[in-house]
Amino acid sequence: MDDRIRVLTADGLGTITLASPDRLNAFDDTMIAALVEACAMLAADDSVRAIMLTGEGRGFCAGLDLKWAAQQTSSMTEIARRITTDLHGAVTELRRAPKPVVTAVNGPAAGAGVGLALAGDVVLASSDARFSLAYSKIGLAPDGGTTYFLPRLVGEKRALALFFSGDAISADEAASIGLATRVLASERFANEARAFADNLAHGPTLAYALAKQLVLDTLREGLETQMEKERRAITRTFGSQDYRNGVAAFFEKKAPTFDGR
């Protein structure tokens, strides 16, 4: 795996770090191929009960490394096809993973970096973070799932305004319009983001996975179909060890211990 994609698993939490800080974690073809491999590996690993994606240094991800792209001698059309296939694979792996995914946006996210950020179930943003969809400023159409996520989060008109202008927005504004879940002070960001993700890794994984799937399904289902899926999901969790542990802890007035079963 490319050494610019660092993977660490510890105590139920799988962490992926984009590690090309001198490029604001912008990616080329080999780096994005390694990212989709890492995402797929953690999504399939039953010992990993939550995933966190973050960046090294002062940036989260600046999207495609344009300097690298400008140096390529082969067709950019073919390069783009290959890179977006892997990029979209990484987004899909995170979105479909049967476990919570936290994206810890430690600094600027631009272009496809915004798509990677929004692939998280929870988007934690450092107060230093900025979100920029500046595709139009270099004559490109959006990718990375951004046209899927943005209209659902902020509405059609605001999404188009962000795509048309390409202007960066602050972490606070991102939170106010629904792009970020929570803003954390930059000086405490790494520790608090890790603590948040660790807490999810010790939660009721089966219940989280079913809740996530239900939320993903709801935009394409009618009320009755969605409620039937809810009925099946809660019936399944009633038979889980996590439920038994949770109820016992409730009556004993202590914090529950979950093992994901």
C-alpha atoms as a PDB file:
ATOM      1  CA  MET A   1       0.000   0.000   0.000  1.00  0.00           C
ATOM      2  CA  ASP A   2       1.183   3.547  -0.768  1.00  0.00           C
ATOM      3  CA  ASP A   3       2.953   4.972   2.292  1.00  0.00           C
ATOM      4  CA  ARG A   4       0.880   8.155   1.928  1.00  0.00           C
ATOM      5  CA  ILE A   5      -2.112   6.164   3.183  1.00  0.00           C
ATOM      6  CA  ARG A   6      -1.507   5.154   6.787  1.00  0.00           C
ATOM      7  CA  VAL A   7      -3.813   2.603   8.407  1.00  0.00           C
ATOM      8  CA  LEU A   8      -3.895   1.918  12.129  1.00  0.00           C
ATOM      9  CA  THR A   9      -6.266  -0.399  13.981  1.00  0.00           C
ATOM     10  CA  ALA A  10      -6.478  -0.321  17.755  1.00  0.00           C
ATOM     11  CA  ASP A  11      -9.177  -1.332  20.210  1.00  0.00           C
ATOM     12  CA  GLY A  12     -11.935  -1.568  17.615  1.00  0.00           C
ATOM     13  CA  LEU A  13     -11.140   1.684  15.791  1.00  0.00           C
ATOM     14  CA  GLY A  14      -9.636   1.717  12.315  1.00  0.00           C
ATOM     15  CA  THR A  15      -7.966   5.015  11.403  1.00  0.00           C
ATOM     16  CA  ILE A  16      -6.975   6.031   7.884  1.00  0.00           C
ATOM     17  CA  THR A  17      -4.656   9.031   7.638  1.00  0.00           C
ATOM     18  CA  LEU A  18      -4.008  10.833   4.374  1.00  0.00           C
ATOM     19  CA  ALA A  19      -0.283  11.431   4.753  1.00  0.00           C
ATOM     20  CA  SER A  20       1.006  13.779   2.083  1.00  0.00           C
ATOM     21  CA  PRO A  21       1.050  16.984   4.148  1.00  0.00           C
ATOM     22  CA  ASP A  22       3.381  18.893   1.830  1.00  0.00           C
ATOM     23  CA  ARG A  23       0.646  18.643  -0.836  1.00  0.00           C
ATOM     24  CA  LEU A  24      -2.243  19.289   1.586  1.00  0.00           C
ATOM     25  CA  ASN A  25      -2.954  15.569   1.135  1.00  0.00           C
ATOM     26  CA  ALA A  26      -3.896  16.037  -2.512  1.00  0.00           C
ATOM     27  CA  PHE A  27      -3.877  12.662  -4.249  1.00  0.00           C
ATOM     28  CA  ASP A  28      -2.509  11.149  -7.434  1.00  0.00           C
ATOM     29  CA  ASP A  29      -3.452   7.831  -9.018  1.00  0.00           C
ATOM     30  CA  THR A  30      -1.436   5.539  -6.750  1.00  0.00           C
ATOM     31  CA  MET A  31      -2.488   7.333  -3.565  1.00  0.00           C
ATOM     32  CA  ILE A  32      -6.207   7.158  -4.353  1.00  0.00           C
ATOM     33  CA  ALA A  33      -5.884   3.493  -5.361  1.00  0.00           C
ATOM     34  CA  ALA A  34      -4.341   2.809  -1.951  1.00  0.00           C
ATOM     35  CA  LEU A  35      -7.154   4.723  -0.249  1.00  0.00           C
ATOM     36  CA  VAL A  36      -9.910   2.611  -1.772  1.00  0.00           C
ATOM     37  CA  GLU A  37      -7.965  -0.510  -0.749  1.00  0.00           C
ATOM     38  CA  ALA A  38      -7.699   0.756   2.836  1.00  0.00           C
ATOM     39  CA  CYS A  39     -11.384   1.674   3.001  1.00  0.00           C
ATOM     40  CA  ALA A  40     -12.446  -1.726   1.680  1.00  0.00           C
ATOM     41  CA  MET A  41     -10.148  -3.524   4.120  1.00  0.00           C
ATOM     42  CA  LEU A  42     -11.493  -1.725   7.198  1.00  0.00           C
ATOM     43  CA  ALA A  43     -15.114  -1.945   6.039  1.00  0.00           C
ATOM     44  CA  ALA A  44     -14.796  -5.739   5.759  1.00  0.00           C
ATOM     45  CA  ASP A  45     -12.835  -6.281   9.000  1.00  0.00           C
ATOM     46  CA  ASP A  46     -15.244  -7.429  11.714  1.00  0.00           C
ATOM     47  CA  SER A  47     -12.759  -6.493  14.434  1.00  0.00           C
ATOM     48  CA  VAL A  48     -12.990  -2.857  13.308  1.00  0.00           C
ATOM     49  CA  ARG A  49     -16.161  -1.408  14.798  1.00  0.00           C
ATOM     50  CA  ALA A  50     -15.737   2.206  13.677  1.00  0.00           C
ATOM     51  CA  ILE A  51     -13.626   3.985  11.056  1.00  0.00           C
ATOM     52  CA  MET A  52     -12.051   7.421  11.177  1.00  0.00           C
ATOM     53  CA  LEU A  53     -10.593   9.209   8.135  1.00  0.00           C
ATOM     54  CA  THR A  54      -8.390  12.247   8.701  1.00  0.00           C
ATOM     55  CA  GLY A  55      -5.440  14.148   7.243  1.00  0.00           C
ATOM     56  CA  GLU A  56      -1.889  14.771   8.370  1.00  0.00           C
ATOM     57  CA  GLY A  57      -0.579  18.298   8.786  1.00  0.00           C
ATOM     58  CA  ARG A  58      -2.621  21.428   8.245  1.00  0.00           C
ATOM     59  CA  GLY A  59      -4.957  20.095   5.541  1.00  0.00           C
ATOM     60  CA  PHE A  60      -7.564  17.357   5.239  1.00  0.00           C
ATOM     61  CA  CYS A  61      -7.503  16.800   1.469  1.00  0.00           C
ATOM     62  CA  ALA A  62      -7.068  19.234  -1.414  1.00  0.00           C
ATOM     63  CA  GLY A  63      -8.546  16.798  -3.928  1.00  0.00           C
ATOM     64  CA  LEU A  64      -6.598  15.889  -7.062  1.00  0.00           C
ATOM     65  CA  ASP A  65      -2.943  16.930  -7.104  1.00  0.00           C
ATOM     66  CA  LEU A  66      -3.105  19.367 -10.011  1.00  0.00           C
ATOM     67  CA  LYS A  67       0.670  19.739 -10.203  1.00  0.00           C
ATOM     68  CA  TRP A  68       1.001  15.991 -10.658  1.00  0.00           C
ATOM     69  CA  ALA A  69      -1.817  15.988 -13.231  1.00  0.00           C
ATOM     70  CA  ALA A  70      -0.139  18.745 -15.241  1.00  0.00           C
ATOM     71  CA  GLN A  71       3.030  16.657 -15.523  1.00  0.00           C
ATOM     72  CA  GLN A  72       1.293  13.622 -17.013  1.00  0.00           C
ATOM     73  CA  THR A  73       2.037  12.841 -20.651  1.00  0.00           C
ATOM     74  CA  SER A  74      -0.803  10.390 -21.239  1.00  0.00           C
ATOM     75  CA  SER A  75      -4.411  11.360 -21.897  1.00  0.00           C
ATOM     76  CA  MET A  76      -5.974  13.225 -18.965  1.00  0.00           C
ATOM     77  CA  THR A  77      -9.302  11.768 -20.035  1.00  0.00           C
ATOM     78  CA  GLU A  78      -8.025   8.255 -19.355  1.00  0.00           C
ATOM     79  CA  ILE A  79      -6.269   9.325 -16.134  1.00  0.00           C
ATOM     80  CA  ALA A  80      -9.462  11.012 -14.911  1.00  0.00           C
ATOM     81  CA  ARG A  81     -11.508   7.905 -15.662  1.00  0.00           C
ATOM     82  CA  ARG A  82      -9.128   5.741 -13.626  1.00  0.00           C
ATOM     83  CA  ILE A  83      -8.790   8.163 -10.704  1.00  0.00           C
ATOM     84  CA  THR A  84     -12.509   8.853 -10.350  1.00  0.00           C
ATOM     85  CA  THR A  85     -13.238   5.123 -10.416  1.00  0.00           C
ATOM     86  CA  ASP A  86     -11.003   4.647  -7.363  1.00  0.00           C
ATOM     87  CA  LEU A  87     -12.173   7.875  -5.693  1.00  0.00           C
ATOM     88  CA  HIS A  88     -15.800   6.870  -6.048  1.00  0.00           C
ATOM     89  CA  GLY A  89     -14.925   3.391  -4.820  1.00  0.00           C
ATOM     90  CA  ALA A  90     -13.476   4.877  -1.637  1.00  0.00           C
ATOM     91  CA  VAL A  91     -16.550   7.046  -1.067  1.00  0.00           C
ATOM     92  CA  THR A  92     -18.821   4.039  -1.623  1.00  0.00           C
ATOM     93  CA  GLU A  93     -16.839   1.830   0.782  1.00  0.00           C
ATOM     94  CA  LEU A  94     -17.117   4.442   3.527  1.00  0.00           C
ATOM     95  CA  ARG A  95     -20.773   5.146   2.849  1.00  0.00           C
ATOM     96  CA  ARG A  96     -21.787   1.474   2.752  1.00  0.00           C
ATOM     97  CA  ALA A  97     -19.547   0.247   5.584  1.00  0.00           C
ATOM     98  CA  PRO A  98     -21.724  -1.528   8.194  1.00  0.00           C
ATOM     99  CA  LYS A  99     -20.194   0.547  10.984  1.00  0.00           C
ATOM    100  CA  PRO A 100     -19.933   4.235  11.895  1.00  0.00           C
ATOM    101  CA  VAL A 101     -17.554   6.329   9.818  1.00  0.00           C
ATOM    102  CA  VAL A 102     -16.166   9.578  11.237  1.00  0.00           C
ATOM    103  CA  THR A 103     -14.389  12.025   8.968  1.00  0.00           C
ATOM    104  CA  ALA A 104     -12.145  14.279  11.032  1.00  0.00           C
ATOM    105  CA  VAL A 105     -11.624  17.330   8.819  1.00  0.00           C
ATOM    106  CA  ASN A 106      -8.518  18.782  10.409  1.00  0.00           C
ATOM    107  CA  GLY A 107      -8.002  21.573   7.866  1.00  0.00           C
ATOM    108  CA  PRO A 108      -8.967  22.677   4.349  1.00  0.00           C
ATOM    109  CA  ALA A 109     -10.973  20.272   2.198  1.00  0.00           C
ATOM    110  CA  ALA A 110     -11.265  21.115  -1.483  1.00  0.00           C
ATOM    111  CA  GLY A 111     -12.883  19.501  -4.502  1.00  0.00           C
ATOM    112  CA  ALA A 112     -12.972  15.740  -4.126  1.00  0.00           C
ATOM    113  CA  GLY A 113     -11.649  16.244  -0.596  1.00  0.00           C
ATOM    114  CA  VAL A 114     -15.105  17.593   0.258  1.00  0.00           C
ATOM    115  CA  GLY A 115     -16.627  14.413  -1.176  1.00  0.00           C
ATOM    116  CA  LEU A 116     -14.390  12.306   1.058  1.00  0.00           C
ATOM    117  CA  ALA A 117     -15.356  14.440   4.048  1.00  0.00           C
ATOM    118  CA  LEU A 118     -19.078  14.097   3.356  1.00  0.00           C
ATOM    119  CA  ALA A 119     -18.769  10.314   3.002  1.00  0.00           C
ATOM    120  CA  GLY A 120     -18.554  10.213   6.786  1.00  0.00           C
ATOM    121  CA  ASP A 121     -21.631   9.477   8.861  1.00  0.00           C
ATOM    122  CA  VAL A 122     -20.328  12.113  11.256  1.00  0.00           C
ATOM    123  CA  VAL A 123     -18.265  15.041   9.958  1.00  0.00           C
ATOM    124  CA  LEU A 124     -16.124  16.632  12.669  1.00  0.00           C
ATOM    125  CA  ALA A 125     -14.512  19.883  11.543  1.00  0.00           C
ATOM    126  CA  SER A 126     -11.610  21.708  13.117  1.00  0.00           C
ATOM    127  CA  SER A 127     -12.209  25.411  13.583  1.00  0.00           C
ATOM    128  CA  ASP A 128      -9.359  25.769  11.041  1.00  0.00           C
ATOM    129  CA  ALA A 129     -11.210  23.758   8.398  1.00  0.00           C
ATOM    130  CA  ARG A 130     -12.471  25.259   5.164  1.00  0.00           C
ATOM    131  CA  PHE A 131     -14.687  23.635   2.542  1.00  0.00           C
ATOM    132  CA  SER A 132     -14.206  24.605  -1.095  1.00  0.00           C
ATOM    133  CA  LEU A 133     -15.905  23.251  -4.228  1.00  0.00           C
ATOM    134  CA  ALA A 134     -13.764  25.187  -6.666  1.00  0.00           C
ATOM    135  CA  TYR A 135     -14.222  22.871  -9.651  1.00  0.00           C
ATOM    136  CA  SER A 136     -15.647  25.659 -11.796  1.00  0.00           C
ATOM    137  CA  LYS A 137     -12.574  27.819 -11.220  1.00  0.00           C
ATOM    138  CA  ILE A 138     -10.517  25.384 -13.297  1.00  0.00           C
ATOM    139  CA  GLY A 139     -13.294  24.404 -15.689  1.00  0.00           C
ATOM    140  CA  LEU A 140     -14.184  21.021 -14.207  1.00  0.00           C
ATOM    141  CA  ALA A 141     -17.476  19.340 -13.350  1.00  0.00           C
ATOM    142  CA  PRO A 142     -17.838  18.081  -9.747  1.00  0.00           C
ATOM    143  CA  ASP A 143     -17.072  14.529  -8.631  1.00  0.00           C
ATOM    144  CA  GLY A 144     -16.397  12.549  -5.457  1.00  0.00           C
ATOM    145  CA  GLY A 145     -20.087  12.206  -4.643  1.00  0.00           C
ATOM    146  CA  THR A 146     -20.409  15.939  -4.024  1.00  0.00           C
ATOM    147  CA  THR A 147     -23.444  16.297  -6.306  1.00  0.00           C
ATOM    148  CA  TYR A 148     -25.117  13.482  -4.350  1.00  0.00           C
ATOM    149  CA  PHE A 149     -24.350  14.770  -0.866  1.00  0.00           C
ATOM    150  CA  LEU A 150     -24.741  18.522  -1.226  1.00  0.00           C
ATOM    151  CA  PRO A 151     -28.335  18.793  -2.506  1.00  0.00           C
ATOM    152  CA  ARG A 152     -29.457  16.382   0.207  1.00  0.00           C
ATOM    153  CA  LEU A 153     -27.677  18.325   2.930  1.00  0.00           C
ATOM    154  CA  VAL A 154     -28.122  21.956   1.916  1.00  0.00           C
ATOM    155  CA  GLY A 155     -30.793  21.971  -0.820  1.00  0.00           C
ATOM    156  CA  GLU A 156     -30.578  22.406  -4.574  1.00  0.00           C
ATOM    157  CA  LYS A 157     -30.167  26.189  -4.730  1.00  0.00           C
ATOM    158  CA  ARG A 158     -27.460  26.456  -2.099  1.00  0.00           C
ATOM    159  CA  ALA A 159     -25.609  23.476  -3.581  1.00  0.00           C
ATOM    160  CA  LEU A 160     -25.563  25.131  -6.998  1.00  0.00           C
ATOM    161  CA  ALA A 161     -24.387  28.406  -5.486  1.00  0.00           C
ATOM    162  CA  LEU A 162     -21.456  26.572  -3.866  1.00  0.00           C
ATOM    163  CA  PHE A 163     -20.572  24.828  -7.128  1.00  0.00           C
ATOM    164  CA  PHE A 164     -20.961  27.962  -9.251  1.00  0.00           C
ATOM    165  CA  SER A 165     -18.957  30.292  -7.005  1.00  0.00           C
ATOM    166  CA  GLY A 166     -16.279  27.868  -5.874  1.00  0.00           C
ATOM    167  CA  ASP A 167     -15.786  30.060  -2.811  1.00  0.00           C
ATOM    168  CA  ALA A 168     -14.499  28.500   0.398  1.00  0.00           C
ATOM    169  CA  ILE A 169     -16.748  28.471   3.458  1.00  0.00           C
ATOM    170  CA  SER A 170     -15.628  28.315   7.078  1.00  0.00           C
ATOM    171  CA  ALA A 171     -16.148  25.406   9.440  1.00  0.00           C
ATOM    172  CA  ASP A 172     -18.808  27.365  11.320  1.00  0.00           C
ATOM    173  CA  GLU A 173     -20.728  28.122   8.128  1.00  0.00           C
ATOM    174  CA  ALA A 174     -20.402  24.496   7.034  1.00  0.00           C
ATOM    175  CA  ALA A 175     -21.955  23.409  10.326  1.00  0.00           C
ATOM    176  CA  SER A 176     -24.721  26.003  10.070  1.00  0.00           C
ATOM    177  CA  ILE A 177     -25.854  24.711   6.660  1.00  0.00           C
ATOM    178  CA  GLY A 178     -25.455  21.017   7.495  1.00  0.00           C
ATOM    179  CA  LEU A 179     -22.157  20.089   5.847  1.00  0.00           C
ATOM    180  CA  ALA A 180     -20.384  19.499   9.155  1.00  0.00           C
ATOM    181  CA  THR A 181     -21.827  17.770  12.202  1.00  0.00           C
ATOM    182  CA  ARG A 182     -19.766  19.569  14.812  1.00  0.00           C
ATOM    183  CA  VAL A 183     -16.938  22.110  14.988  1.00  0.00           C
ATOM    184  CA  LEU A 184     -14.125  21.489  17.478  1.00  0.00           C
ATOM    185  CA  ALA A 185     -11.413  23.919  18.552  1.00  0.00           C
ATOM    186  CA  SER A 186      -8.263  23.379  16.500  1.00  0.00           C
ATOM    187  CA  GLU A 187      -5.975  23.032  19.510  1.00  0.00           C
ATOM    188  CA  ARG A 188      -8.063  20.137  20.863  1.00  0.00           C
ATOM    189  CA  PHE A 189      -9.223  18.713  17.561  1.00  0.00           C
ATOM    190  CA  ALA A 190      -7.052  15.600  17.234  1.00  0.00           C
ATOM    191  CA  ASN A 191      -7.721  14.383  20.768  1.00  0.00           C
ATOM    192  CA  GLU A 192     -11.442  15.144  20.778  1.00  0.00           C
ATOM    193  CA  ALA A 193     -12.030  13.645  17.338  1.00  0.00           C
ATOM    194  CA  ARG A 194     -10.212  10.479  18.369  1.00  0.00           C
ATOM    195  CA  ALA A 195     -12.191  10.269  21.612  1.00  0.00           C
ATOM    196  CA  PHE A 196     -15.453  10.660  19.689  1.00  0.00           C
ATOM    197  CA  ALA A 197     -14.527   7.885  17.246  1.00  0.00           C
ATOM    198  CA  ASP A 198     -13.276   5.642  20.075  1.00  0.00           C
ATOM    199  CA  ASN A 199     -16.627   6.019  21.790  1.00  0.00           C
ATOM    200  CA  LEU A 200     -18.436   4.825  18.656  1.00  0.00           C
ATOM    201  CA  ALA A 201     -16.044   1.871  18.376  1.00  0.00           C
ATOM    202  CA  HIS A 202     -17.249   0.738  21.805  1.00  0.00           C
ATOM    203  CA  GLY A 203     -20.928   1.181  21.002  1.00  0.00           C
ATOM    204  CA  PRO A 204     -23.644  -1.236  19.814  1.00  0.00           C
ATOM    205  CA  THR A 205     -22.218  -1.921  16.350  1.00  0.00           C
ATOM    206  CA  LEU A 206     -25.172  -3.927  15.064  1.00  0.00           C
ATOM    207  CA  ALA A 207     -27.634  -1.202  16.052  1.00  0.00           C
ATOM    208  CA  TYR A 208     -25.403   1.437  14.452  1.00  0.00           C
ATOM    209  CA  ALA A 209     -25.143  -0.566  11.222  1.00  0.00           C
ATOM    210  CA  LEU A 210     -28.900  -1.036  10.961  1.00  0.00           C
ATOM    211  CA  ALA A 211     -29.608   2.626  11.766  1.00  0.00           C
ATOM    212  CA  LYS A 212     -27.125   3.662   9.082  1.00  0.00           C
ATOM    213  CA  GLN A 213     -28.722   1.413   6.474  1.00  0.00           C
ATOM    214  CA  LEU A 214     -32.199   2.664   7.336  1.00  0.00           C
ATOM    215  CA  VAL A 215     -31.124   6.283   6.942  1.00  0.00           C
ATOM    216  CA  LEU A 216     -29.461   5.518   3.597  1.00  0.00           C
ATOM    217  CA  ASP A 217     -32.631   3.771   2.401  1.00  0.00           C
ATOM    218  CA  THR A 218     -35.110   6.414   3.491  1.00  0.00           C
ATOM    219  CA  LEU A 219     -34.659   8.814   0.578  1.00  0.00           C
ATOM    220  CA  ARG A 220     -35.738   6.168  -1.923  1.00  0.00           C
ATOM    221  CA  GLU A 221     -38.488   4.438   0.024  1.00  0.00           C
ATOM    222  CA  GLY A 222     -42.098   5.252   0.850  1.00  0.00           C
ATOM    223  CA  LEU A 223     -43.283   5.518   4.447  1.00  0.00           C
ATOM    224  CA  GLU A 224     -44.792   2.031   4.711  1.00  0.00           C
ATOM    225  CA  THR A 225     -41.764   0.316   3.155  1.00  0.00           C
ATOM    226  CA  GLN A 226     -39.406   2.264   5.392  1.00  0.00           C
ATOM    227  CA  MET A 227     -41.365   1.394   8.522  1.00  0.00           C
ATOM    228  CA  GLU A 228     -41.329  -2.297   7.549  1.00  0.00           C
ATOM    229  CA  LYS A 229     -37.542  -2.092   7.298  1.00  0.00           C
ATOM    230  CA  GLU A 230     -37.514  -0.447  10.728  1.00  0.00           C
ATOM    231  CA  ARG A 231     -39.664  -3.267  12.111  1.00  0.00           C
ATOM    232  CA  ARG A 232     -37.232  -5.892  10.840  1.00  0.00           C
ATOM    233  CA  ALA A 233     -34.198  -3.985  12.109  1.00  0.00           C
ATOM    234  CA  ILE A 234     -35.460  -3.416  15.648  1.00  0.00           C
ATOM    235  CA  THR A 235     -36.683  -7.020  15.832  1.00  0.00           C
ATOM    236  CA  ARG A 236     -33.163  -8.143  14.958  1.00  0.00           C
ATOM    237  CA  THR A 237     -31.583  -5.939  17.620  1.00  0.00           C
ATOM    238  CA  PHE A 238     -34.026  -7.192  20.269  1.00  0.00           C
ATOM    239  CA  GLY A 239     -32.263 -10.545  19.855  1.00  0.00           C
ATOM    240  CA  SER A 240     -28.764  -9.128  20.204  1.00  0.00           C
ATOM    241  CA  GLN A 241     -26.318  -9.464  23.071  1.00  0.00           C
ATOM    242  CA  ASP A 242     -25.850  -5.686  22.967  1.00  0.00           C
ATOM    243  CA  TYR A 243     -29.536  -5.224  23.774  1.00  0.00           C
ATOM    244  CA  ARG A 244     -29.316  -7.623  26.706  1.00  0.00           C
ATOM    245  CA  ASN A 245     -26.194  -5.856  27.965  1.00  0.00           C
ATOM    246  CA  GLY A 246     -27.829  -2.455  27.545  1.00  0.00           C
ATOM    247  CA  VAL A 247     -30.999  -3.389  29.423  1.00  0.00           C
ATOM    248  CA  ALA A 248     -29.051  -5.032  32.253  1.00  0.00           C
ATOM    249  CA  ALA A 249     -26.897  -1.922  32.608  1.00  0.00           C
ATOM    250  CA  PHE A 250     -29.998   0.288  32.583  1.00  0.00           C
ATOM    251  CA  PHE A 251     -31.529  -1.531  35.528  1.00  0.00           C
ATOM    252  CA  GLU A 252     -28.201  -1.685  37.334  1.00  0.00           C
ATOM    253  CA  LYS A 253     -27.759   2.047  36.736  1.00  0.00           C
ATOM    254  CA  LYS A 254     -24.294   1.708  35.199  1.00  0.00           C
ATOM    255  CA  ALA A 255     -22.714   2.372  31.822  1.00  0.00           C
ATOM    256  CA  PRO A 256     -23.355  -0.443  29.325  1.00  0.00           C
ATOM    257  CA  THR A 257     -20.597  -2.487  27.742  1.00  0.00           C
ATOM    258  CA  PHE A 258     -21.219  -3.418  24.106  1.00  0.00           C
ATOM    259  CA  ASP A 259     -19.342  -6.003  22.050  1.00  0.00           C
ATOM    260  CA  GLY A 260     -21.061  -5.496  18.709  1.00  0.00           C
ATOM    261  CA  ARG A 261     -23.099  -8.709  18.754  1.00  0.00           C
END
